[in-house]
Amino acid sequence: MIRWEGFIHLLITSGSMDHRWEEVFLVLMAGMVVAGCSAPLTGGTTGPAATPAPGTGGTDPLEVMITAEPPEYSLMMSSTPGIRLSARNTSGILPPGAVYRWETSLGHFLSWTPPSYQVVLLGPVTRRGPEAIYWSYDPMPSEQDPPEVVITLTITDPSTGAPLAQRTLQIMWKDRQTALAGRQS
């Protein structure tokens, strides 16, 4: 293993390099530093540390966001059966076959997919794959104030059942019949 720091010092201080080669050499060395090639290996290290596979006890949790479209929904809308919810992975790699568990404190989930575009009731708790689902609610009495709704998405490892990521989305109400997708945590 070459000790680069000592080699560079020897070349520069001995005067054995002319000026133009010194600049080229320094540029090459800067490139090596940026690439991480100048750090000496520590004792016992045989290579770069391996990143644990998802669900195997890695310390970095996965992050997901829930996209909600349209952000405002009423039962009177005919263009959609509900608020379309989809999970967007913002970090890490999910294992193939990851399970997406959706749960709502009020209302229910629906599927509405091609080619038939038939609405299928999934209930207040459903396990799916990465495809989008819809959230909707039943009509409420006009004198009743609707409660805030919490939708929870938990993604789990298919082989171990260990949770990989979790996200919540709050649904608030513009009025008694219009739901608004709110903040996430």
N, C-alpha and C. Protein backbone atom coordinates (compact mmCIF):
# COMPACT_ATOMS: atom_id res chain seq x y z
N MET A 1 0.85 -1.17 0.00
CA MET A 1 0.00 0.00 0.00
C MET A 1 0.89 1.23 0.00
N ILE A 2 0.65 2.10 -0.93
CA ILE A 2 1.42 3.33 -1.03
C ILE A 2 0.83 4.36 -0.09
N ARG A 3 1.67 5.01 0.68
CA ARG A 3 1.25 6.13 1.53
C ARG A 3 1.33 7.38 0.68
N TRP A 4 0.21 7.82 0.14
CA TRP A 4 0.17 8.93 -0.80
C TRP A 4 0.64 10.24 -0.19
N GLU A 5 0.31 10.47 1.09
CA GLU A 5 0.68 11.74 1.69
C GLU A 5 2.21 11.93 1.67
N GLY A 6 2.95 10.89 2.05
CA GLY A 6 4.41 10.96 2.07
C GLY A 6 5.00 11.07 0.68
N PHE A 7 4.43 10.36 -0.28
CA PHE A 7 4.90 10.39 -1.65
C PHE A 7 4.73 11.78 -2.26
N ILE A 8 3.57 12.39 -2.04
CA ILE A 8 3.32 13.74 -2.56
C ILE A 8 4.29 14.73 -1.94
N HIS A 9 4.48 14.64 -0.62
CA HIS A 9 5.38 15.55 0.07
C HIS A 9 6.81 15.41 -0.48
N LEU A 10 7.25 14.19 -0.69
CA LEU A 10 8.58 13.94 -1.20
C LEU A 10 8.77 14.55 -2.59
N LEU A 11 7.80 14.36 -3.48
CA LEU A 11 7.91 14.91 -4.82
C LEU A 11 7.92 16.43 -4.84
N ILE A 12 7.04 17.03 -4.06
CA ILE A 12 6.92 18.48 -4.08
C ILE A 12 8.14 19.14 -3.43
N THR A 13 8.61 18.61 -2.30
CA THR A 13 9.71 19.24 -1.59
C THR A 13 11.08 18.93 -2.18
N SER A 14 11.21 17.84 -2.92
CA SER A 14 12.52 17.49 -3.47
C SER A 14 12.85 18.31 -4.72
N GLY A 15 11.86 18.94 -5.33
CA GLY A 15 12.12 19.74 -6.52
C GLY A 15 12.35 18.91 -7.75
N SER A 16 12.05 17.59 -7.71
CA SER A 16 12.29 16.74 -8.86
C SER A 16 11.18 16.85 -9.90
N MET A 17 10.12 17.63 -9.66
CA MET A 17 9.04 17.82 -10.61
C MET A 17 9.13 19.21 -11.19
N ASP A 18 8.98 19.33 -12.51
CA ASP A 18 8.91 20.68 -13.02
C ASP A 18 7.49 21.21 -12.82
N HIS A 19 7.28 22.49 -13.00
CA HIS A 19 6.06 23.18 -12.62
C HIS A 19 4.81 22.63 -13.32
N ARG A 20 4.85 22.36 -14.62
CA ARG A 20 3.64 21.91 -15.32
C ARG A 20 3.22 20.51 -14.89
N TRP A 21 4.15 19.61 -14.60
CA TRP A 21 3.79 18.27 -14.13
C TRP A 21 3.26 18.32 -12.71
N GLU A 22 3.71 19.25 -11.93
CA GLU A 22 3.22 19.42 -10.56
C GLU A 22 1.72 19.74 -10.58
N GLU A 23 1.30 20.62 -11.51
CA GLU A 23 -0.12 20.97 -11.61
C GLU A 23 -0.96 19.77 -12.04
N VAL A 24 -0.47 19.02 -13.02
CA VAL A 24 -1.18 17.82 -13.47
C VAL A 24 -1.30 16.82 -12.32
N PHE A 25 -0.21 16.63 -11.62
CA PHE A 25 -0.19 15.69 -10.51
C PHE A 25 -1.18 16.11 -9.42
N LEU A 26 -1.23 17.39 -9.09
CA LEU A 26 -2.15 17.88 -8.06
C LEU A 26 -3.61 17.70 -8.48
N VAL A 27 -3.91 17.92 -9.76
CA VAL A 27 -5.27 17.71 -10.25
C VAL A 27 -5.66 16.24 -10.14
N LEU A 28 -4.73 15.35 -10.53
CA LEU A 28 -5.00 13.91 -10.40
C LEU A 28 -5.20 13.51 -8.95
N MET A 29 -4.41 14.05 -8.07
CA MET A 29 -4.54 13.72 -6.64
C MET A 29 -5.87 14.24 -6.09
N ALA A 30 -6.27 15.43 -6.52
CA ALA A 30 -7.56 15.97 -6.07
C ALA A 30 -8.69 15.05 -6.53
N GLY A 31 -8.59 14.53 -7.74
CA GLY A 31 -9.59 13.60 -8.24
C GLY A 31 -9.64 12.33 -7.41
N MET A 32 -8.48 11.85 -6.99
CA MET A 32 -8.44 10.64 -6.15
C MET A 32 -9.06 10.91 -4.79
N VAL A 33 -8.81 12.08 -4.24
CA VAL A 33 -9.37 12.41 -2.94
C VAL A 33 -10.90 12.47 -3.04
N VAL A 34 -11.39 13.12 -4.09
CA VAL A 34 -12.84 13.21 -4.28
C VAL A 34 -13.43 11.81 -4.46
N ALA A 35 -12.74 10.95 -5.16
CA ALA A 35 -13.23 9.59 -5.39
C ALA A 35 -13.07 8.70 -4.17
N GLY A 36 -12.37 9.17 -3.15
CA GLY A 36 -12.21 8.39 -1.93
C GLY A 36 -11.06 7.42 -1.97
N CYS A 37 -10.13 7.58 -2.88
CA CYS A 37 -9.04 6.63 -3.03
C CYS A 37 -7.85 6.96 -2.14
N SER A 38 -7.86 8.07 -1.45
CA SER A 38 -6.67 8.44 -0.69
C SER A 38 -6.72 7.98 0.76
N ALA A 39 -7.87 7.53 1.23
CA ALA A 39 -7.98 7.11 2.62
C ALA A 39 -7.38 5.72 2.78
N PRO A 40 -6.49 5.57 3.75
CA PRO A 40 -5.90 4.24 3.97
C PRO A 40 -6.94 3.30 4.56
N LEU A 41 -6.84 2.02 4.23
CA LEU A 41 -7.73 1.03 4.80
C LEU A 41 -7.36 0.80 6.25
N THR A 42 -8.36 0.57 7.08
CA THR A 42 -8.10 0.27 8.49
C THR A 42 -7.80 -1.21 8.63
N GLY A 43 -7.15 -1.56 9.72
CA GLY A 43 -6.77 -2.95 9.94
C GLY A 43 -7.97 -3.87 9.92
N GLY A 44 -7.86 -4.98 9.21
CA GLY A 44 -8.90 -5.98 9.18
C GLY A 44 -9.99 -5.71 8.15
N THR A 45 -9.93 -4.61 7.47
CA THR A 45 -10.96 -4.30 6.49
C THR A 45 -10.62 -4.95 5.17
N THR A 46 -11.57 -5.68 4.62
CA THR A 46 -11.33 -6.35 3.35
C THR A 46 -12.04 -5.68 2.20
N GLY A 47 -12.83 -4.67 2.47
CA GLY A 47 -13.55 -3.98 1.41
C GLY A 47 -14.60 -3.08 2.01
N PRO A 48 -15.43 -2.49 1.16
CA PRO A 48 -16.46 -1.59 1.66
C PRO A 48 -17.50 -2.34 2.48
N ALA A 49 -18.07 -1.64 3.44
CA ALA A 49 -19.09 -2.25 4.29
C ALA A 49 -20.33 -2.56 3.48
N ALA A 50 -20.93 -3.69 3.73
CA ALA A 50 -22.14 -4.08 3.01
C ALA A 50 -23.35 -3.40 3.63
N THR A 51 -24.29 -3.01 2.83
CA THR A 51 -25.53 -2.42 3.30
C THR A 51 -26.51 -3.56 3.55
N PRO A 52 -27.12 -3.59 4.74
CA PRO A 52 -28.05 -4.70 5.01
C PRO A 52 -29.27 -4.63 4.09
N ALA A 53 -29.79 -5.80 3.76
CA ALA A 53 -30.98 -5.88 2.93
C ALA A 53 -32.18 -5.35 3.71
N PRO A 54 -33.20 -4.82 3.03
CA PRO A 54 -34.38 -4.32 3.72
C PRO A 54 -35.00 -5.40 4.60
N GLY A 55 -35.42 -5.00 5.79
CA GLY A 55 -36.08 -5.91 6.70
C GLY A 55 -35.14 -6.80 7.47
N THR A 56 -33.82 -6.62 7.35
CA THR A 56 -32.88 -7.49 8.05
C THR A 56 -32.20 -6.78 9.21
N GLY A 57 -32.82 -5.72 9.71
CA GLY A 57 -32.25 -5.05 10.88
C GLY A 57 -31.38 -3.87 10.55
N GLY A 58 -31.41 -3.37 9.32
CA GLY A 58 -30.66 -2.17 8.98
C GLY A 58 -31.14 -1.00 9.82
N THR A 59 -30.27 -0.03 10.07
CA THR A 59 -30.64 1.07 10.95
C THR A 59 -31.28 2.23 10.19
N ASP A 60 -31.13 2.31 8.89
CA ASP A 60 -31.71 3.41 8.13
C ASP A 60 -33.12 3.04 7.69
N PRO A 61 -34.15 3.73 8.24
CA PRO A 61 -35.52 3.39 7.84
C PRO A 61 -35.81 3.91 6.44
N LEU A 62 -36.71 3.25 5.77
CA LEU A 62 -37.17 3.71 4.47
C LEU A 62 -38.14 4.86 4.68
N GLU A 63 -38.20 5.75 3.74
CA GLU A 63 -39.13 6.87 3.79
C GLU A 63 -40.10 6.75 2.64
N VAL A 64 -41.38 6.95 2.93
CA VAL A 64 -42.41 6.98 1.89
C VAL A 64 -43.27 8.23 2.07
N MET A 65 -43.84 8.67 0.98
CA MET A 65 -44.80 9.76 0.98
C MET A 65 -46.09 9.22 0.39
N ILE A 66 -47.21 9.76 0.83
CA ILE A 66 -48.50 9.39 0.27
C ILE A 66 -48.95 10.54 -0.64
N THR A 67 -49.17 10.23 -1.90
CA THR A 67 -49.72 11.24 -2.79
C THR A 67 -51.24 11.08 -2.79
N ALA A 68 -51.95 12.20 -2.74
CA ALA A 68 -53.41 12.21 -2.68
C ALA A 68 -53.94 13.10 -3.79
N GLU A 69 -54.72 12.52 -4.71
CA GLU A 69 -55.27 13.26 -5.84
C GLU A 69 -56.73 12.89 -6.04
N PRO A 70 -57.63 13.77 -6.18
CA PRO A 70 -57.46 15.21 -6.03
C PRO A 70 -57.34 15.55 -4.55
N PRO A 71 -56.78 16.72 -4.24
CA PRO A 71 -56.60 17.07 -2.83
C PRO A 71 -57.91 17.41 -2.12
N GLU A 72 -58.97 17.61 -2.89
CA GLU A 72 -60.30 17.92 -2.35
C GLU A 72 -61.30 16.97 -3.00
N TYR A 73 -62.16 16.34 -2.19
CA TYR A 73 -63.09 15.35 -2.74
C TYR A 73 -64.45 15.46 -2.06
N SER A 74 -65.48 15.32 -2.89
CA SER A 74 -66.86 15.27 -2.41
C SER A 74 -67.54 14.09 -3.08
N LEU A 75 -68.54 13.51 -2.42
CA LEU A 75 -69.28 12.40 -3.00
C LEU A 75 -70.02 12.83 -4.28
N MET A 76 -70.20 14.12 -4.47
CA MET A 76 -70.90 14.63 -5.65
C MET A 76 -70.03 14.58 -6.90
N MET A 77 -68.75 14.37 -6.76
CA MET A 77 -67.84 14.33 -7.91
C MET A 77 -68.05 13.03 -8.67
N SER A 78 -68.19 13.12 -9.97
CA SER A 78 -68.41 11.92 -10.78
C SER A 78 -67.14 11.46 -11.50
N SER A 79 -66.09 12.27 -11.43
CA SER A 79 -64.87 11.95 -12.18
C SER A 79 -63.98 10.94 -11.48
N THR A 80 -64.21 10.68 -10.20
CA THR A 80 -63.37 9.76 -9.43
C THR A 80 -64.20 9.13 -8.31
N PRO A 81 -63.91 7.89 -7.93
CA PRO A 81 -64.67 7.27 -6.84
C PRO A 81 -64.19 7.70 -5.45
N GLY A 82 -63.12 8.48 -5.38
CA GLY A 82 -62.58 8.91 -4.09
C GLY A 82 -61.26 9.62 -4.29
N ILE A 83 -60.54 9.81 -3.21
CA ILE A 83 -59.20 10.39 -3.29
C ILE A 83 -58.24 9.26 -3.64
N ARG A 84 -57.52 9.42 -4.73
CA ARG A 84 -56.56 8.41 -5.18
C ARG A 84 -55.31 8.52 -4.30
N LEU A 85 -54.94 7.42 -3.66
CA LEU A 85 -53.78 7.37 -2.78
C LEU A 85 -52.73 6.44 -3.38
N SER A 86 -51.50 6.91 -3.40
CA SER A 86 -50.41 6.04 -3.83
C SER A 86 -49.18 6.34 -2.97
N ALA A 87 -48.39 5.31 -2.77
CA ALA A 87 -47.17 5.44 -1.98
C ALA A 87 -46.00 5.72 -2.90
N ARG A 88 -45.22 6.73 -2.54
CA ARG A 88 -44.02 7.07 -3.32
C ARG A 88 -42.82 6.83 -2.43
N ASN A 89 -41.98 5.88 -2.81
CA ASN A 89 -40.76 5.56 -2.05
C ASN A 89 -39.75 6.68 -2.28
N THR A 90 -39.31 7.33 -1.20
CA THR A 90 -38.36 8.44 -1.34
C THR A 90 -36.96 8.08 -0.89
N SER A 91 -36.75 6.87 -0.37
CA SER A 91 -35.39 6.44 0.00
C SER A 91 -35.35 4.93 0.11
N GLY A 92 -34.20 4.38 -0.14
CA GLY A 92 -34.00 2.96 0.03
C GLY A 92 -34.62 2.12 -1.08
N ILE A 93 -34.48 0.83 -0.94
CA ILE A 93 -34.97 -0.12 -1.92
C ILE A 93 -35.93 -1.07 -1.22
N LEU A 94 -37.12 -1.16 -1.74
CA LEU A 94 -38.10 -2.09 -1.18
C LEU A 94 -37.86 -3.47 -1.76
N PRO A 95 -38.05 -4.52 -0.95
CA PRO A 95 -37.90 -5.87 -1.50
C PRO A 95 -39.06 -6.19 -2.43
N PRO A 96 -38.83 -7.07 -3.39
CA PRO A 96 -39.93 -7.47 -4.28
C PRO A 96 -41.06 -8.08 -3.45
N GLY A 97 -42.28 -7.73 -3.79
CA GLY A 97 -43.43 -8.28 -3.08
C GLY A 97 -43.75 -7.60 -1.77
N ALA A 98 -43.17 -6.43 -1.51
CA ALA A 98 -43.47 -5.72 -0.26
C ALA A 98 -44.98 -5.55 -0.13
N VAL A 99 -45.48 -5.66 1.12
CA VAL A 99 -46.91 -5.58 1.38
C VAL A 99 -47.26 -4.18 1.85
N TYR A 100 -48.26 -3.58 1.22
CA TYR A 100 -48.73 -2.24 1.56
C TYR A 100 -50.04 -2.40 2.33
N ARG A 101 -50.01 -2.06 3.63
CA ARG A 101 -51.21 -2.17 4.46
C ARG A 101 -51.78 -0.78 4.67
N TRP A 102 -53.00 -0.55 4.21
CA TRP A 102 -53.70 0.73 4.34
C TRP A 102 -54.78 0.57 5.40
N GLU A 103 -54.91 1.57 6.28
CA GLU A 103 -55.93 1.56 7.31
C GLU A 103 -56.49 2.97 7.46
N THR A 104 -57.81 3.09 7.63
CA THR A 104 -58.44 4.39 7.80
C THR A 104 -59.30 4.39 9.06
N SER A 105 -59.35 5.54 9.72
CA SER A 105 -60.16 5.67 10.93
C SER A 105 -61.62 5.97 10.61
N LEU A 106 -61.92 6.35 9.36
CA LEU A 106 -63.28 6.62 8.91
C LEU A 106 -63.33 6.41 7.41
N GLY A 107 -64.41 5.85 6.94
CA GLY A 107 -64.55 5.61 5.51
C GLY A 107 -64.02 4.25 5.11
N HIS A 108 -63.65 4.12 3.84
CA HIS A 108 -63.22 2.82 3.31
C HIS A 108 -62.34 3.03 2.08
N PHE A 109 -61.69 1.96 1.68
CA PHE A 109 -60.83 1.98 0.49
C PHE A 109 -61.55 1.27 -0.66
N LEU A 110 -61.20 1.68 -1.87
CA LEU A 110 -61.76 1.12 -3.08
C LEU A 110 -60.65 0.85 -4.08
N SER A 111 -60.88 -0.11 -4.96
CA SER A 111 -59.98 -0.25 -6.11
C SER A 111 -60.79 0.14 -7.35
N TRP A 112 -60.08 0.68 -8.34
CA TRP A 112 -60.72 1.14 -9.58
C TRP A 112 -59.62 1.13 -10.63
N THR A 113 -59.47 0.02 -11.31
CA THR A 113 -58.34 -0.15 -12.21
C THR A 113 -58.79 -0.61 -13.59
N PRO A 114 -57.95 -0.33 -14.59
CA PRO A 114 -58.27 -0.81 -15.94
C PRO A 114 -58.17 -2.33 -15.98
N PRO A 115 -58.71 -2.99 -16.92
CA PRO A 115 -59.42 -2.43 -18.06
C PRO A 115 -60.90 -2.21 -17.78
N SER A 116 -61.45 -2.81 -16.73
CA SER A 116 -62.90 -2.74 -16.52
C SER A 116 -63.34 -1.46 -15.79
N TYR A 117 -62.45 -0.84 -15.05
CA TYR A 117 -62.77 0.34 -14.24
C TYR A 117 -64.02 0.09 -13.39
N GLN A 118 -64.06 -1.07 -12.81
CA GLN A 118 -65.15 -1.43 -11.92
C GLN A 118 -64.71 -1.08 -10.50
N VAL A 119 -65.58 -0.41 -9.74
CA VAL A 119 -65.25 -0.03 -8.37
C VAL A 119 -65.48 -1.24 -7.47
N VAL A 120 -64.44 -1.59 -6.69
CA VAL A 120 -64.51 -2.73 -5.79
C VAL A 120 -64.24 -2.22 -4.37
N LEU A 121 -65.17 -2.48 -3.45
CA LEU A 121 -65.03 -2.09 -2.05
C LEU A 121 -63.98 -2.97 -1.38
N LEU A 122 -62.98 -2.35 -0.73
CA LEU A 122 -61.91 -3.09 -0.06
C LEU A 122 -62.05 -3.05 1.46
N GLY A 123 -62.83 -2.13 2.00
CA GLY A 123 -63.03 -2.02 3.44
C GLY A 123 -62.12 -0.99 4.08
N PRO A 124 -62.17 -0.87 5.43
CA PRO A 124 -61.36 0.13 6.14
C PRO A 124 -59.89 -0.28 6.33
N VAL A 125 -59.60 -1.55 6.12
CA VAL A 125 -58.22 -2.06 6.20
C VAL A 125 -58.02 -2.97 5.00
N THR A 126 -56.90 -2.76 4.29
CA THR A 126 -56.63 -3.61 3.13
C THR A 126 -55.13 -3.80 2.97
N ARG A 127 -54.76 -4.94 2.46
CA ARG A 127 -53.36 -5.25 2.12
C ARG A 127 -53.27 -5.38 0.62
N ARG A 128 -52.34 -4.65 0.05
CA ARG A 128 -52.20 -4.59 -1.40
C ARG A 128 -50.73 -4.58 -1.77
N GLY A 129 -50.50 -4.44 -3.06
CA GLY A 129 -49.16 -4.21 -3.59
C GLY A 129 -48.97 -2.71 -3.77
N PRO A 130 -48.06 -2.32 -4.63
CA PRO A 130 -47.75 -0.89 -4.78
C PRO A 130 -48.78 -0.08 -5.59
N GLU A 131 -49.79 -0.74 -6.15
CA GLU A 131 -50.75 -0.01 -6.97
C GLU A 131 -51.58 0.95 -6.11
N ALA A 132 -52.08 1.99 -6.77
CA ALA A 132 -52.87 3.02 -6.09
C ALA A 132 -54.23 2.46 -5.65
N ILE A 133 -54.77 3.05 -4.58
CA ILE A 133 -56.12 2.73 -4.13
C ILE A 133 -56.85 4.06 -3.94
N TYR A 134 -58.14 3.97 -3.64
CA TYR A 134 -58.96 5.16 -3.44
C TYR A 134 -59.57 5.14 -2.04
N TRP A 135 -59.67 6.32 -1.43
CA TRP A 135 -60.35 6.46 -0.15
C TRP A 135 -61.65 7.23 -0.37
N SER A 136 -62.73 6.75 0.25
CA SER A 136 -64.01 7.43 0.17
C SER A 136 -64.73 7.26 1.51
N TYR A 137 -65.90 7.81 1.61
CA TYR A 137 -66.67 7.77 2.84
C TYR A 137 -68.15 7.65 2.50
N ASP A 138 -68.94 7.28 3.49
CA ASP A 138 -70.38 7.20 3.32
C ASP A 138 -70.99 8.56 3.64
N PRO A 139 -72.16 8.87 3.07
CA PRO A 139 -72.81 10.15 3.39
C PRO A 139 -73.04 10.25 4.89
N MET A 140 -72.86 11.46 5.41
CA MET A 140 -73.04 11.69 6.84
C MET A 140 -74.25 12.60 7.06
N PRO A 141 -74.91 12.44 8.20
CA PRO A 141 -76.02 13.34 8.49
C PRO A 141 -75.54 14.80 8.49
N SER A 142 -76.35 15.68 7.94
CA SER A 142 -75.93 17.08 7.80
C SER A 142 -75.72 17.78 9.13
N GLU A 143 -76.35 17.32 10.20
CA GLU A 143 -76.16 17.97 11.50
C GLU A 143 -74.91 17.47 12.24
N GLN A 144 -74.29 16.44 11.75
CA GLN A 144 -73.12 15.86 12.41
C GLN A 144 -71.84 16.44 11.81
N ASP A 145 -70.94 16.90 12.67
CA ASP A 145 -69.62 17.35 12.20
C ASP A 145 -68.74 16.13 11.97
N PRO A 146 -68.18 15.99 10.79
CA PRO A 146 -67.35 14.82 10.53
C PRO A 146 -66.03 14.91 11.30
N PRO A 147 -65.57 13.79 11.82
CA PRO A 147 -64.30 13.79 12.55
C PRO A 147 -63.12 13.81 11.59
N GLU A 148 -61.97 14.22 12.11
CA GLU A 148 -60.74 14.14 11.32
C GLU A 148 -60.45 12.67 11.04
N VAL A 149 -59.93 12.43 9.87
CA VAL A 149 -59.65 11.06 9.43
C VAL A 149 -58.14 10.87 9.40
N VAL A 150 -57.69 9.72 9.87
CA VAL A 150 -56.27 9.38 9.80
C VAL A 150 -56.14 8.12 8.95
N ILE A 151 -55.36 8.24 7.88
CA ILE A 151 -55.06 7.10 7.02
C ILE A 151 -53.62 6.71 7.29
N THR A 152 -53.40 5.44 7.59
CA THR A 152 -52.06 4.94 7.91
C THR A 152 -51.63 3.92 6.86
N LEU A 153 -50.45 4.13 6.34
CA LEU A 153 -49.84 3.19 5.40
C LEU A 153 -48.63 2.58 6.10
N THR A 154 -48.59 1.25 6.15
CA THR A 154 -47.44 0.53 6.68
C THR A 154 -46.96 -0.43 5.61
N ILE A 155 -45.69 -0.33 5.25
CA ILE A 155 -45.10 -1.23 4.26
C ILE A 155 -44.26 -2.26 5.02
N THR A 156 -44.50 -3.54 4.74
CA THR A 156 -43.80 -4.60 5.45
C THR A 156 -43.04 -5.50 4.50
N ASP A 157 -42.02 -6.13 5.05
CA ASP A 157 -41.21 -7.10 4.32
C ASP A 157 -42.04 -8.36 4.12
N PRO A 158 -42.15 -8.88 2.90
CA PRO A 158 -43.01 -10.04 2.66
C PRO A 158 -42.51 -11.33 3.31
N SER A 159 -41.22 -11.44 3.52
CA SER A 159 -40.69 -12.69 4.08
C SER A 159 -40.68 -12.69 5.60
N THR A 160 -40.47 -11.54 6.23
CA THR A 160 -40.38 -11.50 7.69
C THR A 160 -41.58 -10.85 8.36
N GLY A 161 -42.34 -10.05 7.60
CA GLY A 161 -43.45 -9.32 8.20
C GLY A 161 -43.01 -8.08 8.96
N ALA A 162 -41.71 -7.79 8.94
CA ALA A 162 -41.17 -6.63 9.67
C ALA A 162 -41.58 -5.35 8.96
N PRO A 163 -41.98 -4.33 9.74
CA PRO A 163 -42.33 -3.05 9.10
C PRO A 163 -41.08 -2.38 8.53
N LEU A 164 -41.20 -1.89 7.30
CA LEU A 164 -40.09 -1.21 6.63
C LEU A 164 -40.27 0.30 6.63
N ALA A 165 -41.53 0.74 6.55
CA ALA A 165 -41.83 2.17 6.52
C ALA A 165 -43.27 2.38 6.95
N GLN A 166 -43.53 3.57 7.51
CA GLN A 166 -44.90 3.91 7.89
C GLN A 166 -45.14 5.40 7.67
N ARG A 167 -46.34 5.74 7.23
CA ARG A 167 -46.70 7.13 6.98
C ARG A 167 -48.17 7.31 7.28
N THR A 168 -48.54 8.48 7.81
CA THR A 168 -49.95 8.79 8.04
C THR A 168 -50.32 10.03 7.24
N LEU A 169 -51.56 10.07 6.82
CA LEU A 169 -52.13 11.20 6.10
C LEU A 169 -53.41 11.59 6.81
N GLN A 170 -53.54 12.88 7.11
CA GLN A 170 -54.75 13.37 7.76
C GLN A 170 -55.71 13.91 6.70
N ILE A 171 -56.97 13.57 6.86
CA ILE A 171 -58.03 14.10 6.02
C ILE A 171 -58.87 15.01 6.91
N MET A 172 -59.02 16.26 6.49
CA MET A 172 -59.83 17.23 7.22
C MET A 172 -61.06 17.54 6.36
N TRP A 173 -61.90 18.42 6.84
CA TRP A 173 -63.15 18.71 6.15
C TRP A 173 -63.28 20.19 5.85
N LYS A 174 -63.57 20.51 4.60
CA LYS A 174 -63.83 21.89 4.19
C LYS A 174 -65.23 22.29 4.67
N ASP A 175 -66.16 21.38 4.50
CA ASP A 175 -67.51 21.50 5.02
C ASP A 175 -67.95 20.07 5.35
N ARG A 176 -69.19 19.87 5.66
CA ARG A 176 -69.64 18.54 6.09
C ARG A 176 -69.58 17.47 5.00
N GLN A 177 -69.42 17.89 3.75
CA GLN A 177 -69.43 16.91 2.67
C GLN A 177 -68.18 16.95 1.78
N THR A 178 -67.20 17.80 2.10
CA THR A 178 -66.01 17.92 1.26
C THR A 178 -64.75 17.61 2.07
N ALA A 179 -64.07 16.53 1.70
CA ALA A 179 -62.86 16.10 2.40
C ALA A 179 -61.64 16.75 1.76
N LEU A 180 -60.66 17.10 2.60
CA LEU A 180 -59.41 17.71 2.13
C LEU A 180 -58.23 16.87 2.60
N ALA A 181 -57.36 16.50 1.68
CA ALA A 181 -56.13 15.81 2.06
C ALA A 181 -55.25 16.79 2.80
N GLY A 182 -54.80 16.43 3.99
CA GLY A 182 -54.02 17.34 4.83
C GLY A 182 -52.57 16.95 4.95
N ARG A 183 -52.04 17.16 6.13
CA ARG A 183 -50.61 16.94 6.35
C ARG A 183 -50.28 15.48 6.58
N GLN A 184 -48.99 15.19 6.40
CA GLN A 184 -48.49 13.83 6.60
C GLN A 184 -47.49 13.82 7.74
N SER A 185 -47.39 12.67 8.37
CA SER A 185 -46.35 12.48 9.40
C SER A 185 -45.92 11.03 9.40
